[in-house]
Amino acid sequence: MDKAVIEQEVREIADSWKGKEGNLIMVLHQIQNRYGYVPREVSLVLSEILDVPLARIYEVITFYHFFRLTPPGKHTISVCMGTACYLKGGAEILGELEHLLCVKPGETTKDGQFHLEVVRCLGCCGLAPVVKIGEKVYGGVKKKDVGDIITQYSEDSEAKTAA
């Protein structure tokens, strides 16, 4: 990343929150929305611009589970563990995803294709159990469906579709 570009982007974000209570958290939210995570080089620039110790920035980033220090996968898989989804097999769906992708919630696959996360509710209780990949919601998911769903998003599948 170009330091001059980073500095300009971070300055614009920081200026929009200048003088407001709790601005560090809001600035970090905007940075993560921009980059998908909070890159170290951006944190260093932010520390200078806000005149906040880097340790304070990392204290906030690591305290709140929302913030990421590593780039997310190309496809974010959200497994609902709200009451309805949990009772209808959400844990089994999550277990199958962990098995197939070889990651735990909060982790990204080694190839950078998938990021697995657990959410408390996707607002689709009538479709339980629910999995969301990107903006697409899959309802009534069964353990046997998980592999086919993942295959739709794999690099090999995309290459075949493009050909």
C-alpha atoms as a PDB file:
ATOM      1  CA  MET A   1       0.000   0.000   0.000  1.00  0.00           C
ATOM      2  CA  ASP A   2       1.200   3.477  -0.867  1.00  0.00           C
ATOM      3  CA  LYS A   3       1.830   5.461   2.330  1.00  0.00           C
ATOM      4  CA  ALA A   4       0.689   8.758   0.775  1.00  0.00           C
ATOM      5  CA  VAL A   5      -2.623   7.209  -0.305  1.00  0.00           C
ATOM      6  CA  ILE A   6      -3.106   5.607   3.112  1.00  0.00           C
ATOM      7  CA  GLU A   7      -2.376   8.894   4.848  1.00  0.00           C
ATOM      8  CA  GLN A   8      -4.885  10.782   2.682  1.00  0.00           C
ATOM      9  CA  GLU A   9      -7.633   8.174   3.200  1.00  0.00           C
ATOM     10  CA  VAL A  10      -7.046   7.907   6.956  1.00  0.00           C
ATOM     11  CA  ARG A  11      -6.921  11.697   7.319  1.00  0.00           C
ATOM     12  CA  GLU A  12     -10.292  12.039   5.530  1.00  0.00           C
ATOM     13  CA  ILE A  13     -11.842   9.412   7.790  1.00  0.00           C
ATOM     14  CA  ALA A  14     -10.320  10.892  10.950  1.00  0.00           C
ATOM     15  CA  ASP A  15     -11.356  14.440  10.011  1.00  0.00           C
ATOM     16  CA  SER A  16     -14.992  13.357   9.687  1.00  0.00           C
ATOM     17  CA  TRP A  17     -14.913  12.290  13.378  1.00  0.00           C
ATOM     18  CA  LYS A  18     -12.655  15.035  14.736  1.00  0.00           C
ATOM     19  CA  GLY A  19     -13.649  16.259  18.207  1.00  0.00           C
ATOM     20  CA  LYS A  20     -16.440  13.688  18.663  1.00  0.00           C
ATOM     21  CA  GLU A  21     -16.641  11.416  21.723  1.00  0.00           C
ATOM     22  CA  GLY A  22     -15.610   7.819  20.980  1.00  0.00           C
ATOM     23  CA  ASN A  23     -14.057   8.829  17.672  1.00  0.00           C
ATOM     24  CA  LEU A  24     -11.354   6.138  17.719  1.00  0.00           C
ATOM     25  CA  ILE A  25     -13.892   3.313  17.526  1.00  0.00           C
ATOM     26  CA  MET A  26     -15.852   5.065  14.789  1.00  0.00           C
ATOM     27  CA  VAL A  27     -12.690   5.760  12.790  1.00  0.00           C
ATOM     28  CA  LEU A  28     -11.655   2.104  13.133  1.00  0.00           C
ATOM     29  CA  HIS A  29     -15.098   1.010  11.910  1.00  0.00           C
ATOM     30  CA  GLN A  30     -14.727   3.176   8.813  1.00  0.00           C
ATOM     31  CA  ILE A  31     -11.190   1.914   8.217  1.00  0.00           C
ATOM     32  CA  GLN A  32     -12.362  -1.680   8.424  1.00  0.00           C
ATOM     33  CA  ASN A  33     -15.267  -0.926   6.096  1.00  0.00           C
ATOM     34  CA  ARG A  34     -12.767   0.559   3.627  1.00  0.00           C
ATOM     35  CA  TYR A  35     -10.080  -2.156   3.760  1.00  0.00           C
ATOM     36  CA  GLY A  36     -12.026  -5.180   5.064  1.00  0.00           C
ATOM     37  CA  TYR A  37      -9.710  -5.250   8.099  1.00  0.00           C
ATOM     38  CA  VAL A  38      -7.372  -2.882   9.968  1.00  0.00           C
ATOM     39  CA  PRO A  39      -3.943  -3.172   8.320  1.00  0.00           C
ATOM     40  CA  ARG A  40      -0.882  -2.505  10.482  1.00  0.00           C
ATOM     41  CA  GLU A  41       0.394   0.258   8.204  1.00  0.00           C
ATOM     42  CA  VAL A  42      -2.970   2.017   8.494  1.00  0.00           C
ATOM     43  CA  SER A  43      -2.827   1.727  12.298  1.00  0.00           C
ATOM     44  CA  LEU A  44       0.605   3.380  12.285  1.00  0.00           C
ATOM     45  CA  VAL A  45      -0.671   6.313  10.205  1.00  0.00           C
ATOM     46  CA  LEU A  46      -3.805   6.586  12.358  1.00  0.00           C
ATOM     47  CA  SER A  47      -1.658   6.738  15.486  1.00  0.00           C
ATOM     48  CA  GLU A  48       0.209   9.736  14.063  1.00  0.00           C
ATOM     49  CA  ILE A  49      -2.886  11.535  12.767  1.00  0.00           C
ATOM     50  CA  LEU A  50      -4.943  11.156  15.967  1.00  0.00           C
ATOM     51  CA  ASP A  51      -1.908  11.457  18.249  1.00  0.00           C
ATOM     52  CA  VAL A  52      -3.003   8.249  19.964  1.00  0.00           C
ATOM     53  CA  PRO A  53      -0.453   5.629  21.052  1.00  0.00           C
ATOM     54  CA  LEU A  54      -0.383   2.571  18.782  1.00  0.00           C
ATOM     55  CA  ALA A  55      -0.897   0.425  21.890  1.00  0.00           C
ATOM     56  CA  ARG A  56      -4.241   2.187  22.533  1.00  0.00           C
ATOM     57  CA  ILE A  57      -5.361   1.497  18.959  1.00  0.00           C
ATOM     58  CA  TYR A  58      -4.503  -2.202  19.292  1.00  0.00           C
ATOM     59  CA  GLU A  59      -6.177  -2.297  22.700  1.00  0.00           C
ATOM     60  CA  VAL A  60      -9.449  -1.229  21.044  1.00  0.00           C
ATOM     61  CA  ILE A  61      -9.004  -3.484  18.001  1.00  0.00           C
ATOM     62  CA  THR A  62      -8.330  -6.594  20.086  1.00  0.00           C
ATOM     63  CA  PHE A  63     -11.034  -5.851  22.671  1.00  0.00           C
ATOM     64  CA  TYR A  64     -13.905  -5.697  20.173  1.00  0.00           C
ATOM     65  CA  HIS A  65     -14.537  -8.933  18.318  1.00  0.00           C
ATOM     66  CA  PHE A  66     -15.813  -7.001  15.260  1.00  0.00           C
ATOM     67  CA  PHE A  67     -12.356  -5.763  14.240  1.00  0.00           C
ATOM     68  CA  ARG A  68      -9.994  -7.883  12.153  1.00  0.00           C
ATOM     69  CA  LEU A  69      -6.211  -7.661  11.942  1.00  0.00           C
ATOM     70  CA  THR A  70      -5.967  -9.919   8.905  1.00  0.00           C
ATOM     71  CA  PRO A  71      -7.719  -9.683   5.550  1.00  0.00           C
ATOM     72  CA  PRO A  72     -11.022 -11.556   5.400  1.00  0.00           C
ATOM     73  CA  GLY A  73     -11.577 -14.302   2.868  1.00  0.00           C
ATOM     74  CA  LYS A  74     -13.058 -13.607  -0.536  1.00  0.00           C
ATOM     75  CA  HIS A  75     -16.353 -15.113   0.679  1.00  0.00           C
ATOM     76  CA  THR A  76     -17.631 -14.598   4.212  1.00  0.00           C
ATOM     77  CA  ILE A  77     -19.745 -17.479   5.481  1.00  0.00           C
ATOM     78  CA  SER A  78     -22.047 -16.514   8.345  1.00  0.00           C
ATOM     79  CA  VAL A  79     -23.639 -19.359  10.269  1.00  0.00           C
ATOM     80  CA  CYS A  80     -26.626 -18.324  12.343  1.00  0.00           C
ATOM     81  CA  MET A  81     -26.643 -19.588  15.910  1.00  0.00           C
ATOM     82  CA  GLY A  82     -29.754 -17.756  17.035  1.00  0.00           C
ATOM     83  CA  THR A  83     -32.229 -19.853  19.008  1.00  0.00           C
ATOM     84  CA  ALA A  84     -34.251 -21.165  16.050  1.00  0.00           C
ATOM     85  CA  CYS A  85     -31.183 -21.980  13.945  1.00  0.00           C
ATOM     86  CA  TYR A  86     -29.364 -23.575  16.860  1.00  0.00           C
ATOM     87  CA  LEU A  87     -32.345 -25.770  17.732  1.00  0.00           C
ATOM     88  CA  LYS A  88     -32.772 -26.855  14.107  1.00  0.00           C
ATOM     89  CA  GLY A  89     -29.155 -27.942  13.589  1.00  0.00           C
ATOM     90  CA  GLY A  90     -27.014 -24.814  13.314  1.00  0.00           C
ATOM     91  CA  ALA A  91     -24.221 -26.386  15.367  1.00  0.00           C
ATOM     92  CA  GLU A  92     -24.136 -29.401  13.043  1.00  0.00           C
ATOM     93  CA  ILE A  93     -23.927 -27.080  10.003  1.00  0.00           C
ATOM     94  CA  LEU A  94     -21.100 -25.138  11.653  1.00  0.00           C
ATOM     95  CA  GLY A  95     -19.264 -28.366  12.441  1.00  0.00           C
ATOM     96  CA  GLU A  96     -19.498 -29.502   8.829  1.00  0.00           C
ATOM     97  CA  LEU A  97     -18.171 -26.156   7.584  1.00  0.00           C
ATOM     98  CA  GLU A  98     -15.278 -26.348  10.054  1.00  0.00           C
ATOM     99  CA  HIS A  99     -14.522 -29.865   8.829  1.00  0.00           C
ATOM    100  CA  LEU A 100     -14.717 -29.071   5.103  1.00  0.00           C
ATOM    101  CA  LEU A 101     -12.847 -25.754   5.288  1.00  0.00           C
ATOM    102  CA  CYS A 102     -10.373 -26.728   8.044  1.00  0.00           C
ATOM    103  CA  VAL A 103     -11.009 -23.479   9.948  1.00  0.00           C
ATOM    104  CA  LYS A 104     -12.723 -22.387  13.145  1.00  0.00           C
ATOM    105  CA  PRO A 105     -15.085 -19.409  13.439  1.00  0.00           C
ATOM    106  CA  GLY A 106     -13.162 -16.172  13.019  1.00  0.00           C
ATOM    107  CA  GLU A 107     -10.582 -17.787  10.735  1.00  0.00           C
ATOM    108  CA  THR A 108      -9.937 -17.586   7.009  1.00  0.00           C
ATOM    109  CA  THR A 109      -8.972 -20.564   4.866  1.00  0.00           C
ATOM    110  CA  LYS A 110      -5.306 -20.774   3.866  1.00  0.00           C
ATOM    111  CA  ASP A 111      -6.185 -20.064   0.234  1.00  0.00           C
ATOM    112  CA  GLY A 112      -8.008 -16.870   1.273  1.00  0.00           C
ATOM    113  CA  GLN A 113     -11.295 -17.999  -0.262  1.00  0.00           C
ATOM    114  CA  PHE A 114     -13.514 -18.351   2.818  1.00  0.00           C
ATOM    115  CA  HIS A 115     -13.881 -16.589   6.151  1.00  0.00           C
ATOM    116  CA  LEU A 116     -16.093 -18.408   8.657  1.00  0.00           C
ATOM    117  CA  GLU A 117     -18.071 -16.543  11.295  1.00  0.00           C
ATOM    118  CA  VAL A 118     -20.864 -17.226  13.743  1.00  0.00           C
ATOM    119  CA  VAL A 119     -23.680 -14.698  14.054  1.00  0.00           C
ATOM    120  CA  ARG A 120     -26.461 -14.542  16.610  1.00  0.00           C
ATOM    121  CA  CYS A 121     -29.358 -13.849  14.247  1.00  0.00           C
ATOM    122  CA  LEU A 122     -29.827 -13.173  10.553  1.00  0.00           C
ATOM    123  CA  GLY A 123     -33.522 -12.359  10.926  1.00  0.00           C
ATOM    124  CA  CYS A 124     -34.628 -15.410   8.938  1.00  0.00           C
ATOM    125  CA  CYS A 125     -35.879 -17.562  11.821  1.00  0.00           C
ATOM    126  CA  GLY A 126     -38.622 -19.112   9.715  1.00  0.00           C
ATOM    127  CA  LEU A 127     -35.958 -20.531   7.380  1.00  0.00           C
ATOM    128  CA  ALA A 128     -33.805 -22.073  10.126  1.00  0.00           C
ATOM    129  CA  PRO A 129     -31.090 -23.212  10.039  1.00  0.00           C
ATOM    130  CA  VAL A 130     -29.616 -20.416   7.952  1.00  0.00           C
ATOM    131  CA  VAL A 131     -26.210 -19.835   6.353  1.00  0.00           C
ATOM    132  CA  LYS A 132     -25.332 -16.600   4.572  1.00  0.00           C
ATOM    133  CA  ILE A 133     -22.500 -16.330   2.058  1.00  0.00           C
ATOM    134  CA  GLY A 134     -21.902 -12.766   0.990  1.00  0.00           C
ATOM    135  CA  GLU A 135     -25.431 -11.437   0.488  1.00  0.00           C
ATOM    136  CA  LYS A 136     -27.040 -14.794  -0.416  1.00  0.00           C
ATOM    137  CA  VAL A 137     -29.067 -16.506   2.304  1.00  0.00           C
ATOM    138  CA  TYR A 138     -29.494 -20.291   2.350  1.00  0.00           C
ATOM    139  CA  GLY A 139     -32.419 -21.520   4.434  1.00  0.00           C
ATOM    140  CA  GLY A 140     -33.316 -24.977   5.681  1.00  0.00           C
ATOM    141  CA  VAL A 141     -29.703 -26.069   5.277  1.00  0.00           C
ATOM    142  CA  LYS A 142     -28.907 -29.696   6.049  1.00  0.00           C
ATOM    143  CA  LYS A 143     -25.463 -31.103   6.782  1.00  0.00           C
ATOM    144  CA  LYS A 144     -25.506 -32.940   3.446  1.00  0.00           C
ATOM    145  CA  ASP A 145     -26.084 -29.610   1.592  1.00  0.00           C
ATOM    146  CA  VAL A 146     -22.997 -27.851   2.942  1.00  0.00           C
ATOM    147  CA  GLY A 147     -20.471 -29.316   0.495  1.00  0.00           C
ATOM    148  CA  ASP A 148     -22.600 -28.434  -2.540  1.00  0.00           C
ATOM    149  CA  ILE A 149     -23.108 -24.880  -1.283  1.00  0.00           C
ATOM    150  CA  ILE A 150     -19.370 -24.365  -0.730  1.00  0.00           C
ATOM    151  CA  THR A 151     -18.555 -25.795  -4.167  1.00  0.00           C
ATOM    152  CA  GLN A 152     -20.569 -22.990  -5.793  1.00  0.00           C
ATOM    153  CA  TYR A 153     -18.029 -20.490  -4.435  1.00  0.00           C
ATOM    154  CA  SER A 154     -14.779 -22.347  -5.000  1.00  0.00           C
ATOM    155  CA  GLU A 155     -12.163 -20.992  -7.419  1.00  0.00           C
ATOM    156  CA  ASP A 156     -12.462 -24.105  -9.585  1.00  0.00           C
ATOM    157  CA  SER A 157     -16.222 -23.610  -9.923  1.00  0.00           C
ATOM    158  CA  GLU A 158     -15.729 -19.943 -10.888  1.00  0.00           C
ATOM    159  CA  ALA A 159     -13.127 -20.884 -13.514  1.00  0.00           C
ATOM    160  CA  LYS A 160     -15.475 -23.472 -15.053  1.00  0.00           C
ATOM    161  CA  THR A 161     -18.363 -20.996 -15.115  1.00  0.00           C
ATOM    162  CA  ALA A 162     -16.222 -18.374 -16.864  1.00  0.00           C
ATOM    163  CA  ALA A 163     -15.066 -20.813 -19.552  1.00  0.00           C
END
